[in-house]
């Protein structure tokens, strides 16, 4: 019995596998709202969690230049997506799942 993934309201490819995770945006009841970011998975050591490294440019008006910045974001890694270290992923903001997690992985990009 293959459960069809639900529409999360964002133009991304749904995963081919299914899962029973309540905090999955495709097969559970987790709703997506807010920011959508991209980054690279640098760690998957915490259970059902991936640490995403995101690099971006920040404008400094005084010097009229940009500086490079980076941040590490903890995101929920559903069993149906199962992102690995080194994967480029798209993450979306959701309700707070724990003290540090407020994002969920919605797609592994090639």
C-alpha atoms as a PDB file:
ATOM      1  CA  UNK A   1       0.000   0.000   0.000  1.00  0.00           C
ATOM      2  CA  UNK A   2       1.946   2.916  -1.372  1.00  0.00           C
ATOM      3  CA  UNK A   3       0.781   6.138   0.279  1.00  0.00           C
ATOM      4  CA  UNK A   4       0.657   9.068  -2.163  1.00  0.00           C
ATOM      5  CA  UNK A   5       2.659  12.113  -0.949  1.00  0.00           C
ATOM      6  CA  UNK A   6       0.553  15.185  -0.254  1.00  0.00           C
ATOM      7  CA  UNK A   7       1.022  18.543  -1.948  1.00  0.00           C
ATOM      8  CA  UNK A   8       3.114  20.835   0.293  1.00  0.00           C
ATOM      9  CA  UNK A   9       2.468  23.946  -1.819  1.00  0.00           C
ATOM     10  CA  UNK A  10       6.020  24.302  -3.159  1.00  0.00           C
ATOM     11  CA  UNK A  11       7.286  23.312  -6.620  1.00  0.00           C
ATOM     12  CA  UNK A  12       9.606  20.446  -5.598  1.00  0.00           C
ATOM     13  CA  UNK A  13       9.825  16.788  -6.533  1.00  0.00           C
ATOM     14  CA  UNK A  14       8.207  14.578  -3.851  1.00  0.00           C
ATOM     15  CA  UNK A  15      10.276  11.626  -2.565  1.00  0.00           C
ATOM     16  CA  UNK A  16       9.843   8.195  -4.153  1.00  0.00           C
ATOM     17  CA  UNK A  17       9.886   6.365  -0.805  1.00  0.00           C
ATOM     18  CA  UNK A  18       7.210   6.575   1.885  1.00  0.00           C
ATOM     19  CA  UNK A  19       7.585   6.928   5.643  1.00  0.00           C
ATOM     20  CA  UNK A  20       5.508   6.865   8.811  1.00  0.00           C
ATOM     21  CA  UNK A  21       7.127   9.990  10.326  1.00  0.00           C
ATOM     22  CA  UNK A  22       4.601  12.423  11.839  1.00  0.00           C
ATOM     23  CA  UNK A  23       7.053  15.318  11.195  1.00  0.00           C
ATOM     24  CA  UNK A  24       7.344  14.620   7.451  1.00  0.00           C
ATOM     25  CA  UNK A  25       5.826  17.340   5.231  1.00  0.00           C
ATOM     26  CA  UNK A  26       4.848  14.740   2.596  1.00  0.00           C
ATOM     27  CA  UNK A  27       3.545  11.796   4.672  1.00  0.00           C
ATOM     28  CA  UNK A  28       2.855  13.377   8.071  1.00  0.00           C
ATOM     29  CA  UNK A  29       0.998  16.474   9.203  1.00  0.00           C
ATOM     30  CA  UNK A  30       3.842  19.017   9.290  1.00  0.00           C
ATOM     31  CA  UNK A  31       2.972  22.269   7.510  1.00  0.00           C
ATOM     32  CA  UNK A  32       5.525  24.436   5.723  1.00  0.00           C
ATOM     33  CA  UNK A  33       5.590  28.229   6.119  1.00  0.00           C
ATOM     34  CA  UNK A  34       8.191  30.972   6.053  1.00  0.00           C
ATOM     35  CA  UNK A  35      11.672  30.868   4.543  1.00  0.00           C
ATOM     36  CA  UNK A  36      12.993  28.418   1.951  1.00  0.00           C
ATOM     37  CA  UNK A  37      16.804  28.112   1.940  1.00  0.00           C
ATOM     38  CA  UNK A  38      19.503  26.044   0.236  1.00  0.00           C
ATOM     39  CA  UNK A  39      22.673  24.587   1.674  1.00  0.00           C
ATOM     40  CA  UNK A  40      24.993  21.588   1.961  1.00  0.00           C
ATOM     41  CA  UNK A  41      24.641  18.790   4.529  1.00  0.00           C
ATOM     42  CA  UNK A  42      27.765  18.703   6.730  1.00  0.00           C
ATOM     43  CA  UNK A  43      26.604  16.268   9.438  1.00  0.00           C
ATOM     44  CA  UNK A  44      23.882  13.668  10.015  1.00  0.00           C
ATOM     45  CA  UNK A  45      25.007  12.453  13.442  1.00  0.00           C
ATOM     46  CA  UNK A  46      21.933  13.543  15.472  1.00  0.00           C
ATOM     47  CA  UNK A  47      18.943  11.218  15.025  1.00  0.00           C
ATOM     48  CA  UNK A  48      16.574  12.303  12.212  1.00  0.00           C
ATOM     49  CA  UNK A  49      18.513  15.590  11.972  1.00  0.00           C
ATOM     50  CA  UNK A  50      20.949  17.053   9.462  1.00  0.00           C
ATOM     51  CA  UNK A  51      23.212  20.053   9.985  1.00  0.00           C
ATOM     52  CA  UNK A  52      23.057  22.327   6.926  1.00  0.00           C
ATOM     53  CA  UNK A  53      25.882  24.784   6.138  1.00  0.00           C
ATOM     54  CA  UNK A  54      24.709  27.874   4.290  1.00  0.00           C
ATOM     55  CA  UNK A  55      27.025  30.492   2.776  1.00  0.00           C
ATOM     56  CA  UNK A  56      25.725  33.929   1.796  1.00  0.00           C
ATOM     57  CA  UNK A  57      26.854  37.511   1.170  1.00  0.00           C
ATOM     58  CA  UNK A  58      26.068  40.367   3.573  1.00  0.00           C
ATOM     59  CA  UNK A  59      26.273  44.000   2.439  1.00  0.00           C
ATOM     60  CA  UNK A  60      28.259  46.493   4.560  1.00  0.00           C
ATOM     61  CA  UNK A  61      26.940  50.005   3.708  1.00  0.00           C
ATOM     62  CA  UNK A  62      29.886  51.896   5.254  1.00  0.00           C
ATOM     63  CA  UNK A  63      32.410  50.227   2.928  1.00  0.00           C
ATOM     64  CA  UNK A  64      29.950  49.622   0.057  1.00  0.00           C
ATOM     65  CA  UNK A  65      31.116  46.029  -0.148  1.00  0.00           C
ATOM     66  CA  UNK A  66      29.914  42.529   0.607  1.00  0.00           C
ATOM     67  CA  UNK A  67      31.362  40.116   3.130  1.00  0.00           C
ATOM     68  CA  UNK A  68      31.011  36.359   3.132  1.00  0.00           C
ATOM     69  CA  UNK A  69      29.107  34.822   5.998  1.00  0.00           C
ATOM     70  CA  UNK A  70      28.120  31.273   6.857  1.00  0.00           C
ATOM     71  CA  UNK A  71      25.631  29.684   9.202  1.00  0.00           C
ATOM     72  CA  UNK A  72      24.819  26.169  10.356  1.00  0.00           C
ATOM     73  CA  UNK A  73      21.149  25.246  10.590  1.00  0.00           C
ATOM     74  CA  UNK A  74      19.728  22.100  12.186  1.00  0.00           C
ATOM     75  CA  UNK A  75      16.957  20.637  10.021  1.00  0.00           C
ATOM     76  CA  UNK A  76      14.697  17.598  10.369  1.00  0.00           C
ATOM     77  CA  UNK A  77      15.743  14.793   7.990  1.00  0.00           C
ATOM     78  CA  UNK A  78      12.651  12.627   7.235  1.00  0.00           C
ATOM     79  CA  UNK A  79      13.265   8.887   6.597  1.00  0.00           C
ATOM     80  CA  UNK A  80      11.734   9.137   3.090  1.00  0.00           C
ATOM     81  CA  UNK A  81      14.308  11.760   2.013  1.00  0.00           C
ATOM     82  CA  UNK A  82      17.363  10.534   3.998  1.00  0.00           C
ATOM     83  CA  UNK A  83      19.901  13.215   2.944  1.00  0.00           C
ATOM     84  CA  UNK A  84      23.577  12.222   3.210  1.00  0.00           C
ATOM     85  CA  UNK A  85      26.692  14.275   4.007  1.00  0.00           C
ATOM     86  CA  UNK A  86      27.698  16.344   0.971  1.00  0.00           C
ATOM     87  CA  UNK A  87      24.192  16.541  -0.552  1.00  0.00           C
ATOM     88  CA  UNK A  88      22.911  19.946  -1.685  1.00  0.00           C
ATOM     89  CA  UNK A  89      19.446  20.295  -0.138  1.00  0.00           C
ATOM     90  CA  UNK A  90      16.508  22.681  -0.018  1.00  0.00           C
ATOM     91  CA  UNK A  91      15.095  23.320   3.470  1.00  0.00           C
ATOM     92  CA  UNK A  92      11.863  25.026   4.490  1.00  0.00           C
ATOM     93  CA  UNK A  93      10.788  26.673   7.725  1.00  0.00           C
ATOM     94  CA  UNK A  94       8.155  24.901   9.806  1.00  0.00           C
ATOM     95  CA  UNK A  95       6.922  24.931  13.393  1.00  0.00           C
ATOM     96  CA  UNK A  96       9.617  24.448  16.021  1.00  0.00           C
ATOM     97  CA  UNK A  97      10.319  20.707  16.364  1.00  0.00           C
ATOM     98  CA  UNK A  98      12.858  20.967  19.202  1.00  0.00           C
ATOM     99  CA  UNK A  99      15.038  23.571  20.898  1.00  0.00           C
ATOM    100  CA  UNK A 100      17.256  23.962  17.824  1.00  0.00           C
ATOM    101  CA  UNK A 101      15.157  22.608  14.926  1.00  0.00           C
ATOM    102  CA  UNK A 102      12.719  24.845  13.037  1.00  0.00           C
ATOM    103  CA  UNK A 103      13.468  23.670   9.483  1.00  0.00           C
ATOM    104  CA  UNK A 104      12.779  20.475   7.525  1.00  0.00           C
ATOM    105  CA  UNK A 105      14.508  19.092   4.412  1.00  0.00           C
ATOM    106  CA  UNK A 106      12.063  19.108   1.492  1.00  0.00           C
ATOM    107  CA  UNK A 107      14.303  18.133  -1.430  1.00  0.00           C
ATOM    108  CA  UNK A 108      17.750  16.738  -2.257  1.00  0.00           C
ATOM    109  CA  UNK A 109      18.994  18.633  -5.298  1.00  0.00           C
ATOM    110  CA  UNK A 110      21.449  17.203  -7.834  1.00  0.00           C
END
